[in-house]
């Protein structure tokens, strides 16, 4: 995996395919490799060059355990785009990655041709802020929850009841979550500290690049009404809800997610060079 020295850190990235560039930004605690399960193959097959990376806080990119801001993550993404001599690019971000993409579209529109904000929102609320504080308190306490318990909580938070209603699918997801210990990493703790999200609704009215907000019907962490509100704040933004999918909808319903992304990229405003 190549390394880009950007914004004072070492950022690890992958660059596959050829054609118009798409930069993908993962959410809290996720690695860039997650995109390679479903989205990267579909985008590559459609003729796009796809760049994924591990956000600040996620090894082998520098963890920066002392803490950082969303502004730092925006500068990291902009720095990678410039390091590769790209721009304007198409962006796809999910959850925290959507927040970064939203801020990049606002601050550096010359680098962005169009953006998909997946599981995105434009402001925080009491429940999500409380969840982030609780996760931070748990980390700082040094307590170690049994892997099986944390796996169940993560599954119920992140997946659709339709997925969890399938015993084989639920078992597979629980096994996967139980094997992951990334929640204990100091970089993940630093990412968690980025909550609560300030109210950016008024600011996003100044975004002028084409945007598509993609929400998941069963998302408990970022419900569709948050996405609808975000789309309404951005001039000309389109909005779509993927049914039978939770916060990890890009893994639960990848065909529908990929179709939504590709249709947006092929649209009238996106298709003009």
C-alpha atoms as a PDB file:
ATOM      1  CA  UNK A   1       0.000   0.000   0.000  1.00  0.00           C
ATOM      2  CA  UNK A   2       1.575   3.337  -1.056  1.00  0.00           C
ATOM      3  CA  UNK A   3       2.058   6.180   1.398  1.00  0.00           C
ATOM      4  CA  UNK A   4       1.344   9.870   0.803  1.00  0.00           C
ATOM      5  CA  UNK A   5       3.036  12.456   3.035  1.00  0.00           C
ATOM      6  CA  UNK A   6       0.165  14.918   3.430  1.00  0.00           C
ATOM      7  CA  UNK A   7      -0.819  17.488   6.029  1.00  0.00           C
ATOM      8  CA  UNK A   8       1.986  16.446   8.379  1.00  0.00           C
ATOM      9  CA  UNK A   9       1.108  12.728   8.470  1.00  0.00           C
ATOM     10  CA  UNK A  10       1.749   9.520   6.545  1.00  0.00           C
ATOM     11  CA  UNK A  11      -1.478   8.497   4.852  1.00  0.00           C
ATOM     12  CA  UNK A  12      -1.804   4.997   3.363  1.00  0.00           C
ATOM     13  CA  UNK A  13      -3.943   4.655   0.265  1.00  0.00           C
ATOM     14  CA  UNK A  14      -4.825   2.339  -2.622  1.00  0.00           C
ATOM     15  CA  UNK A  15      -5.310   3.411  -6.217  1.00  0.00           C
ATOM     16  CA  UNK A  16      -6.945   1.007  -8.677  1.00  0.00           C
ATOM     17  CA  UNK A  17      -8.485   1.202 -12.115  1.00  0.00           C
ATOM     18  CA  UNK A  18      -8.356   3.916 -14.717  1.00  0.00           C
ATOM     19  CA  UNK A  19     -10.633   6.676 -15.891  1.00  0.00           C
ATOM     20  CA  UNK A  20     -12.251   9.485 -13.946  1.00  0.00           C
ATOM     21  CA  UNK A  21     -11.139   9.451 -10.306  1.00  0.00           C
ATOM     22  CA  UNK A  22     -13.401   8.601  -7.376  1.00  0.00           C
ATOM     23  CA  UNK A  23     -12.106   9.165  -3.833  1.00  0.00           C
ATOM     24  CA  UNK A  24     -13.867   7.162  -1.110  1.00  0.00           C
ATOM     25  CA  UNK A  25     -13.856   8.151   2.580  1.00  0.00           C
ATOM     26  CA  UNK A  26     -14.702   5.579   5.251  1.00  0.00           C
ATOM     27  CA  UNK A  27     -16.488   6.163   8.569  1.00  0.00           C
ATOM     28  CA  UNK A  28     -15.384   5.885  12.188  1.00  0.00           C
ATOM     29  CA  UNK A  29     -13.090   2.923  12.928  1.00  0.00           C
ATOM     30  CA  UNK A  30     -13.289   1.649   9.345  1.00  0.00           C
ATOM     31  CA  UNK A  31     -10.404   0.959   6.993  1.00  0.00           C
ATOM     32  CA  UNK A  32     -10.352   1.938   3.352  1.00  0.00           C
ATOM     33  CA  UNK A  33     -10.236  -1.745   2.438  1.00  0.00           C
ATOM     34  CA  UNK A  34     -13.902  -2.093   3.405  1.00  0.00           C
ATOM     35  CA  UNK A  35     -14.829  -0.299   0.179  1.00  0.00           C
ATOM     36  CA  UNK A  36     -13.055  -3.040  -1.784  1.00  0.00           C
ATOM     37  CA  UNK A  37     -15.644  -5.648  -0.791  1.00  0.00           C
ATOM     38  CA  UNK A  38     -18.376  -4.270  -3.052  1.00  0.00           C
ATOM     39  CA  UNK A  39     -18.020  -0.641  -4.138  1.00  0.00           C
ATOM     40  CA  UNK A  40     -14.523  -0.622  -5.639  1.00  0.00           C
ATOM     41  CA  UNK A  41     -15.156  -3.582  -7.983  1.00  0.00           C
ATOM     42  CA  UNK A  42     -18.388  -2.003  -9.234  1.00  0.00           C
ATOM     43  CA  UNK A  43     -16.833   1.407  -9.803  1.00  0.00           C
ATOM     44  CA  UNK A  44     -13.769  -0.082 -11.468  1.00  0.00           C
ATOM     45  CA  UNK A  45     -15.962  -2.182 -13.761  1.00  0.00           C
ATOM     46  CA  UNK A  46     -17.869   0.987 -14.695  1.00  0.00           C
ATOM     47  CA  UNK A  47     -14.641   2.623 -15.866  1.00  0.00           C
ATOM     48  CA  UNK A  48     -13.604   4.672 -12.859  1.00  0.00           C
ATOM     49  CA  UNK A  49     -10.265   5.017 -11.136  1.00  0.00           C
ATOM     50  CA  UNK A  50     -10.880   4.477  -7.413  1.00  0.00           C
ATOM     51  CA  UNK A  51      -8.766   5.817  -4.557  1.00  0.00           C
ATOM     52  CA  UNK A  52      -9.372   4.533  -1.040  1.00  0.00           C
ATOM     53  CA  UNK A  53      -7.375   5.300   2.087  1.00  0.00           C
ATOM     54  CA  UNK A  54      -7.118   4.771   5.803  1.00  0.00           C
ATOM     55  CA  UNK A  55      -8.230   7.908   7.591  1.00  0.00           C
ATOM     56  CA  UNK A  56      -6.092   9.630  10.175  1.00  0.00           C
ATOM     57  CA  UNK A  57      -6.533   7.520  13.301  1.00  0.00           C
ATOM     58  CA  UNK A  58      -6.609   4.168  11.467  1.00  0.00           C
ATOM     59  CA  UNK A  59      -3.291   2.282  11.095  1.00  0.00           C
ATOM     60  CA  UNK A  60      -1.185   1.987   9.049  1.00  0.00           C
ATOM     61  CA  UNK A  61      -1.997   5.697   8.536  1.00  0.00           C
ATOM     62  CA  UNK A  62      -0.728   7.711  11.511  1.00  0.00           C
ATOM     63  CA  UNK A  63      -3.071   7.290  14.472  1.00  0.00           C
ATOM     64  CA  UNK A  64      -2.548  10.762  15.965  1.00  0.00           C
ATOM     65  CA  UNK A  65      -3.793   9.608  19.405  1.00  0.00           C
ATOM     66  CA  UNK A  66      -3.341  13.109  20.790  1.00  0.00           C
ATOM     67  CA  UNK A  67      -6.468  14.047  18.878  1.00  0.00           C
ATOM     68  CA  UNK A  68      -7.434  15.889  15.732  1.00  0.00           C
ATOM     69  CA  UNK A  69     -10.305  17.740  14.093  1.00  0.00           C
ATOM     70  CA  UNK A  70     -12.600  17.152  11.153  1.00  0.00           C
ATOM     71  CA  UNK A  71     -10.721  20.021   9.560  1.00  0.00           C
ATOM     72  CA  UNK A  72      -7.547  17.925   9.780  1.00  0.00           C
ATOM     73  CA  UNK A  73      -9.321  15.048   8.037  1.00  0.00           C
ATOM     74  CA  UNK A  74     -10.607  17.389   5.322  1.00  0.00           C
ATOM     75  CA  UNK A  75      -7.058  18.668   4.797  1.00  0.00           C
ATOM     76  CA  UNK A  76      -5.793  15.068   4.648  1.00  0.00           C
ATOM     77  CA  UNK A  77      -8.258  14.223   1.877  1.00  0.00           C
ATOM     78  CA  UNK A  78      -7.491  17.402  -0.040  1.00  0.00           C
ATOM     79  CA  UNK A  79      -3.792  16.722   0.371  1.00  0.00           C
ATOM     80  CA  UNK A  80      -4.146  13.222  -1.051  1.00  0.00           C
ATOM     81  CA  UNK A  81      -6.080  14.523  -4.058  1.00  0.00           C
ATOM     82  CA  UNK A  82      -3.362  17.095  -4.700  1.00  0.00           C
ATOM     83  CA  UNK A  83      -0.548  14.606  -4.030  1.00  0.00           C
ATOM     84  CA  UNK A  84      -1.952  12.375  -6.780  1.00  0.00           C
ATOM     85  CA  UNK A  85      -2.419  15.322  -9.131  1.00  0.00           C
ATOM     86  CA  UNK A  86      -6.173  14.790  -9.294  1.00  0.00           C
ATOM     87  CA  UNK A  87      -9.092  17.121  -9.138  1.00  0.00           C
ATOM     88  CA  UNK A  88     -11.815  17.689  -9.549  1.00  0.00           C
ATOM     89  CA  UNK A  89     -12.751  14.218  -8.310  1.00  0.00           C
ATOM     90  CA  UNK A  90     -15.963  12.483  -7.414  1.00  0.00           C
ATOM     91  CA  UNK A  91     -16.319  11.827  -3.680  1.00  0.00           C
ATOM     92  CA  UNK A  92     -18.111   9.073  -1.795  1.00  0.00           C
ATOM     93  CA  UNK A  93     -18.157   9.233   1.995  1.00  0.00           C
ATOM     94  CA  UNK A  94     -20.086   7.336   4.625  1.00  0.00           C
ATOM     95  CA  UNK A  95     -20.939   8.405   8.194  1.00  0.00           C
ATOM     96  CA  UNK A  96     -17.864  10.295   9.495  1.00  0.00           C
ATOM     97  CA  UNK A  97     -16.537  10.023   5.948  1.00  0.00           C
ATOM     98  CA  UNK A  98     -19.659  11.783   4.732  1.00  0.00           C
ATOM     99  CA  UNK A  99     -19.026  14.595   7.205  1.00  0.00           C
ATOM    100  CA  UNK A 100     -15.495  14.957   5.817  1.00  0.00           C
ATOM    101  CA  UNK A 101     -16.790  14.904   2.238  1.00  0.00           C
ATOM    102  CA  UNK A 102     -19.440  17.514   3.061  1.00  0.00           C
ATOM    103  CA  UNK A 103     -16.834  19.858   4.513  1.00  0.00           C
ATOM    104  CA  UNK A 104     -14.458  19.282   1.593  1.00  0.00           C
ATOM    105  CA  UNK A 105     -17.207  20.070  -0.925  1.00  0.00           C
ATOM    106  CA  UNK A 106     -17.830  23.300   0.959  1.00  0.00           C
ATOM    107  CA  UNK A 107     -14.231  24.371   1.582  1.00  0.00           C
ATOM    108  CA  UNK A 108     -12.507  23.162  -1.605  1.00  0.00           C
ATOM    109  CA  UNK A 109     -15.131  23.010  -4.378  1.00  0.00           C
ATOM    110  CA  UNK A 110     -12.419  23.193  -7.036  1.00  0.00           C
ATOM    111  CA  UNK A 111     -11.345  19.680  -5.982  1.00  0.00           C
ATOM    112  CA  UNK A 112     -14.851  18.166  -6.146  1.00  0.00           C
ATOM    113  CA  UNK A 113     -16.811  17.333  -9.267  1.00  0.00           C
ATOM    114  CA  UNK A 114     -19.665  15.728  -7.372  1.00  0.00           C
ATOM    115  CA  UNK A 115     -20.225  13.992  -4.044  1.00  0.00           C
ATOM    116  CA  UNK A 116     -22.268  11.185  -2.528  1.00  0.00           C
ATOM    117  CA  UNK A 117     -22.984  11.659   1.170  1.00  0.00           C
ATOM    118  CA  UNK A 118     -23.919   8.255   2.568  1.00  0.00           C
ATOM    119  CA  UNK A 119     -25.429   7.982   6.071  1.00  0.00           C
ATOM    120  CA  UNK A 120     -24.764  11.704   6.362  1.00  0.00           C
ATOM    121  CA  UNK A 121     -26.264  14.481   8.442  1.00  0.00           C
ATOM    122  CA  UNK A 122     -25.824  18.195   8.889  1.00  0.00           C
ATOM    123  CA  UNK A 123     -25.996  18.519  12.654  1.00  0.00           C
ATOM    124  CA  UNK A 124     -25.647  16.539  15.837  1.00  0.00           C
ATOM    125  CA  UNK A 125     -28.319  15.655  18.332  1.00  0.00           C
ATOM    126  CA  UNK A 126     -28.505  14.665  21.985  1.00  0.00           C
ATOM    127  CA  UNK A 127     -28.682  10.908  21.450  1.00  0.00           C
ATOM    128  CA  UNK A 128     -25.717  10.632  19.054  1.00  0.00           C
ATOM    129  CA  UNK A 129     -23.615  12.921  21.249  1.00  0.00           C
ATOM    130  CA  UNK A 130     -24.482  10.791  24.291  1.00  0.00           C
ATOM    131  CA  UNK A 131     -23.488   7.622  22.426  1.00  0.00           C
ATOM    132  CA  UNK A 132     -20.099   9.112  21.499  1.00  0.00           C
ATOM    133  CA  UNK A 133     -19.518  10.226  25.099  1.00  0.00           C
ATOM    134  CA  UNK A 134     -20.446   6.771  26.357  1.00  0.00           C
ATOM    135  CA  UNK A 135     -18.018   5.103  23.934  1.00  0.00           C
ATOM    136  CA  UNK A 136     -15.271   7.515  25.017  1.00  0.00           C
ATOM    137  CA  UNK A 137     -16.005   6.861  28.701  1.00  0.00           C
ATOM    138  CA  UNK A 138     -15.871   3.126  28.101  1.00  0.00           C
ATOM    139  CA  UNK A 139     -12.538   3.410  26.322  1.00  0.00           C
ATOM    140  CA  UNK A 140     -11.052   5.659  29.006  1.00  0.00           C
ATOM    141  CA  UNK A 141     -12.224   3.363  31.792  1.00  0.00           C
ATOM    142  CA  UNK A 142      -9.997   0.590  30.535  1.00  0.00           C
ATOM    143  CA  UNK A 143     -12.865  -1.892  30.814  1.00  0.00           C
ATOM    144  CA  UNK A 144     -12.876  -4.651  28.227  1.00  0.00           C
ATOM    145  CA  UNK A 145     -16.296  -5.903  27.207  1.00  0.00           C
ATOM    146  CA  UNK A 146     -16.548  -9.550  26.181  1.00  0.00           C
ATOM    147  CA  UNK A 147     -16.181  -9.762  22.377  1.00  0.00           C
ATOM    148  CA  UNK A 148     -19.485 -11.572  22.027  1.00  0.00           C
ATOM    149  CA  UNK A 149     -21.379  -8.866  23.884  1.00  0.00           C
ATOM    150  CA  UNK A 150     -19.821  -6.039  21.869  1.00  0.00           C
ATOM    151  CA  UNK A 151     -20.549  -7.946  18.665  1.00  0.00           C
ATOM    152  CA  UNK A 152     -24.257  -8.166  19.525  1.00  0.00           C
ATOM    153  CA  UNK A 153     -24.435  -4.455  20.353  1.00  0.00           C
ATOM    154  CA  UNK A 154     -22.626  -3.515  17.143  1.00  0.00           C
ATOM    155  CA  UNK A 155     -24.914  -5.730  15.076  1.00  0.00           C
ATOM    156  CA  UNK A 156     -28.070  -4.260  16.587  1.00  0.00           C
ATOM    157  CA  UNK A 157     -26.773  -0.703  16.099  1.00  0.00           C
ATOM    158  CA  UNK A 158     -25.462  -1.119  12.573  1.00  0.00           C
ATOM    159  CA  UNK A 159     -27.549  -3.684  10.701  1.00  0.00           C
ATOM    160  CA  UNK A 160     -31.121  -3.883   9.505  1.00  0.00           C
ATOM    161  CA  UNK A 161     -33.650  -6.118  11.283  1.00  0.00           C
ATOM    162  CA  UNK A 162     -34.090  -7.785   7.893  1.00  0.00           C
ATOM    163  CA  UNK A 163     -30.444  -8.864   7.969  1.00  0.00           C
ATOM    164  CA  UNK A 164     -30.578  -9.913  11.613  1.00  0.00           C
ATOM    165  CA  UNK A 165     -33.751 -11.899  10.968  1.00  0.00           C
ATOM    166  CA  UNK A 166     -31.737 -14.281   8.805  1.00  0.00           C
ATOM    167  CA  UNK A 167     -30.031 -16.608  11.285  1.00  0.00           C
ATOM    168  CA  UNK A 168     -27.136 -17.498   8.998  1.00  0.00           C
ATOM    169  CA  UNK A 169     -26.482 -13.876   8.062  1.00  0.00           C
ATOM    170  CA  UNK A 170     -26.722 -12.795  11.705  1.00  0.00           C
ATOM    171  CA  UNK A 171     -24.289 -15.510  12.775  1.00  0.00           C
ATOM    172  CA  UNK A 172     -21.792 -14.507  10.086  1.00  0.00           C
ATOM    173  CA  UNK A 173     -21.949 -10.851  11.087  1.00  0.00           C
ATOM    174  CA  UNK A 174     -21.620 -11.636  14.791  1.00  0.00           C
ATOM    175  CA  UNK A 175     -18.532 -13.757  14.110  1.00  0.00           C
ATOM    176  CA  UNK A 176     -17.009 -10.938  12.081  1.00  0.00           C
ATOM    177  CA  UNK A 177     -17.707  -8.285  14.721  1.00  0.00           C
ATOM    178  CA  UNK A 178     -16.383 -10.492  17.530  1.00  0.00           C
ATOM    179  CA  UNK A 179     -13.024 -10.761  15.767  1.00  0.00           C
ATOM    180  CA  UNK A 180     -12.597  -7.003  15.494  1.00  0.00           C
ATOM    181  CA  UNK A 181     -10.756  -5.276  18.335  1.00  0.00           C
ATOM    182  CA  UNK A 182     -10.385  -1.948  16.573  1.00  0.00           C
ATOM    183  CA  UNK A 183     -12.670  -0.160  19.053  1.00  0.00           C
ATOM    184  CA  UNK A 184      -9.789  -0.232  21.575  1.00  0.00           C
ATOM    185  CA  UNK A 185      -7.340   1.592  19.295  1.00  0.00           C
ATOM    186  CA  UNK A 186      -6.287   5.110  20.375  1.00  0.00           C
ATOM    187  CA  UNK A 187      -6.937   6.471  16.899  1.00  0.00           C
ATOM    188  CA  UNK A 188     -10.533   5.280  17.055  1.00  0.00           C
ATOM    189  CA  UNK A 189     -10.853   7.011  20.414  1.00  0.00           C
ATOM    190  CA  UNK A 190      -9.639  10.197  18.729  1.00  0.00           C
ATOM    191  CA  UNK A 191     -12.205   9.792  15.938  1.00  0.00           C
ATOM    192  CA  UNK A 192     -14.979   9.247  18.485  1.00  0.00           C
ATOM    193  CA  UNK A 193     -14.033  12.544  20.120  1.00  0.00           C
ATOM    194  CA  UNK A 194     -15.174  14.397  16.976  1.00  0.00           C
ATOM    195  CA  UNK A 195     -18.731  14.216  18.314  1.00  0.00           C
ATOM    196  CA  UNK A 196     -20.849  16.155  18.980  1.00  0.00           C
ATOM    197  CA  UNK A 197     -21.162  17.448  15.433  1.00  0.00           C
ATOM    198  CA  UNK A 198     -21.916  21.177  15.305  1.00  0.00           C
ATOM    199  CA  UNK A 199     -24.934  22.464  13.421  1.00  0.00           C
ATOM    200  CA  UNK A 200     -23.697  22.954   9.834  1.00  0.00           C
ATOM    201  CA  UNK A 201     -27.066  23.260   8.131  1.00  0.00           C
ATOM    202  CA  UNK A 202     -26.784  26.963   7.342  1.00  0.00           C
ATOM    203  CA  UNK A 203     -23.187  26.569   6.144  1.00  0.00           C
ATOM    204  CA  UNK A 204     -24.104  23.764   3.742  1.00  0.00           C
ATOM    205  CA  UNK A 205     -26.442  26.092   1.888  1.00  0.00           C
ATOM    206  CA  UNK A 206     -23.246  27.441   0.296  1.00  0.00           C
ATOM    207  CA  UNK A 207     -22.262  24.084  -1.282  1.00  0.00           C
ATOM    208  CA  UNK A 208     -22.410  24.461  -5.045  1.00  0.00           C
ATOM    209  CA  UNK A 209     -21.124  21.130  -6.372  1.00  0.00           C
ATOM    210  CA  UNK A 210     -23.607  18.382  -7.369  1.00  0.00           C
ATOM    211  CA  UNK A 211     -24.495  16.278  -4.328  1.00  0.00           C
ATOM    212  CA  UNK A 212     -26.462  13.104  -3.688  1.00  0.00           C
ATOM    213  CA  UNK A 213     -27.506  12.125  -0.168  1.00  0.00           C
ATOM    214  CA  UNK A 214     -28.008   8.398   0.354  1.00  0.00           C
ATOM    215  CA  UNK A 215     -29.694   7.162   3.542  1.00  0.00           C
ATOM    216  CA  UNK A 216     -30.640   3.720   4.834  1.00  0.00           C
ATOM    217  CA  UNK A 217     -34.192   3.035   5.960  1.00  0.00           C
ATOM    218  CA  UNK A 218     -33.227   1.052   9.081  1.00  0.00           C
ATOM    219  CA  UNK A 219     -30.224   3.158  10.118  1.00  0.00           C
ATOM    220  CA  UNK A 220     -30.406   3.765  13.882  1.00  0.00           C
ATOM    221  CA  UNK A 221     -27.197   5.825  14.010  1.00  0.00           C
ATOM    222  CA  UNK A 222     -28.115   8.218  11.194  1.00  0.00           C
ATOM    223  CA  UNK A 223     -31.842   7.852  10.447  1.00  0.00           C
ATOM    224  CA  UNK A 224     -33.168   8.842   7.014  1.00  0.00           C
ATOM    225  CA  UNK A 225     -34.725  12.035   8.340  1.00  0.00           C
ATOM    226  CA  UNK A 226     -31.205  13.304   9.027  1.00  0.00           C
ATOM    227  CA  UNK A 227     -30.280  12.632   5.404  1.00  0.00           C
ATOM    228  CA  UNK A 228     -33.445  14.289   4.136  1.00  0.00           C
ATOM    229  CA  UNK A 229     -32.633  17.366   6.217  1.00  0.00           C
ATOM    230  CA  UNK A 230     -29.080  17.423   4.848  1.00  0.00           C
ATOM    231  CA  UNK A 231     -30.274  17.163   1.244  1.00  0.00           C
ATOM    232  CA  UNK A 232     -32.797  19.949   1.798  1.00  0.00           C
ATOM    233  CA  UNK A 233     -30.005  22.217   3.043  1.00  0.00           C
ATOM    234  CA  UNK A 234     -27.807  21.777  -0.057  1.00  0.00           C
ATOM    235  CA  UNK A 235     -29.009  23.548  -3.216  1.00  0.00           C
ATOM    236  CA  UNK A 236     -29.954  21.041  -5.902  1.00  0.00           C
ATOM    237  CA  UNK A 237     -29.021  17.959  -3.872  1.00  0.00           C
ATOM    238  CA  UNK A 238     -30.811  14.714  -4.628  1.00  0.00           C
ATOM    239  CA  UNK A 239     -31.930  12.228  -1.989  1.00  0.00           C
ATOM    240  CA  UNK A 240     -32.557   8.502  -1.914  1.00  0.00           C
ATOM    241  CA  UNK A 241     -33.359   5.927   0.770  1.00  0.00           C
ATOM    242  CA  UNK A 242     -32.190   2.328   0.479  1.00  0.00           C
ATOM    243  CA  UNK A 243     -34.763   0.009   2.032  1.00  0.00           C
ATOM    244  CA  UNK A 244     -33.998  -2.998   4.254  1.00  0.00           C
ATOM    245  CA  UNK A 245     -30.567  -1.634   5.204  1.00  0.00           C
ATOM    246  CA  UNK A 246     -28.971  -0.234   8.355  1.00  0.00           C
ATOM    247  CA  UNK A 247     -25.919   1.945   8.959  1.00  0.00           C
ATOM    248  CA  UNK A 248     -23.767  -0.560   7.075  1.00  0.00           C
ATOM    249  CA  UNK A 249     -26.090  -0.485   4.098  1.00  0.00           C
ATOM    250  CA  UNK A 250     -23.213  -0.376   1.630  1.00  0.00           C
ATOM    251  CA  UNK A 251     -22.371  -3.901   2.852  1.00  0.00           C
ATOM    252  CA  UNK A 252     -25.942  -5.146   3.400  1.00  0.00           C
ATOM    253  CA  UNK A 253     -27.424  -3.909   0.095  1.00  0.00           C
ATOM    254  CA  UNK A 254     -24.365  -3.283  -2.074  1.00  0.00           C
ATOM    255  CA  UNK A 255     -26.090  -3.708  -5.437  1.00  0.00           C
ATOM    256  CA  UNK A 256     -28.636  -0.996  -4.658  1.00  0.00           C
ATOM    257  CA  UNK A 257     -25.977   1.299  -3.195  1.00  0.00           C
ATOM    258  CA  UNK A 258     -23.695   0.826  -6.188  1.00  0.00           C
ATOM    259  CA  UNK A 259     -26.572   1.474  -8.583  1.00  0.00           C
ATOM    260  CA  UNK A 260     -27.458   4.687  -6.746  1.00  0.00           C
ATOM    261  CA  UNK A 261     -23.857   5.930  -6.868  1.00  0.00           C
ATOM    262  CA  UNK A 262     -23.365   5.073 -10.532  1.00  0.00           C
ATOM    263  CA  UNK A 263     -26.705   6.575 -11.578  1.00  0.00           C
ATOM    264  CA  UNK A 264     -25.799   9.811  -9.839  1.00  0.00           C
ATOM    265  CA  UNK A 265     -22.368   9.911 -11.457  1.00  0.00           C
ATOM    266  CA  UNK A 266     -23.979   9.365 -14.865  1.00  0.00           C
ATOM    267  CA  UNK A 267     -26.572  12.112 -14.343  1.00  0.00           C
ATOM    268  CA  UNK A 268     -26.773  15.347 -16.350  1.00  0.00           C
ATOM    269  CA  UNK A 269     -24.761  17.524 -13.941  1.00  0.00           C
ATOM    270  CA  UNK A 270     -22.217  14.785 -13.255  1.00  0.00           C
ATOM    271  CA  UNK A 271     -21.787  13.715 -16.844  1.00  0.00           C
ATOM    272  CA  UNK A 272     -20.503  17.067 -18.132  1.00  0.00           C
ATOM    273  CA  UNK A 273     -16.729  17.228 -18.311  1.00  0.00           C
END
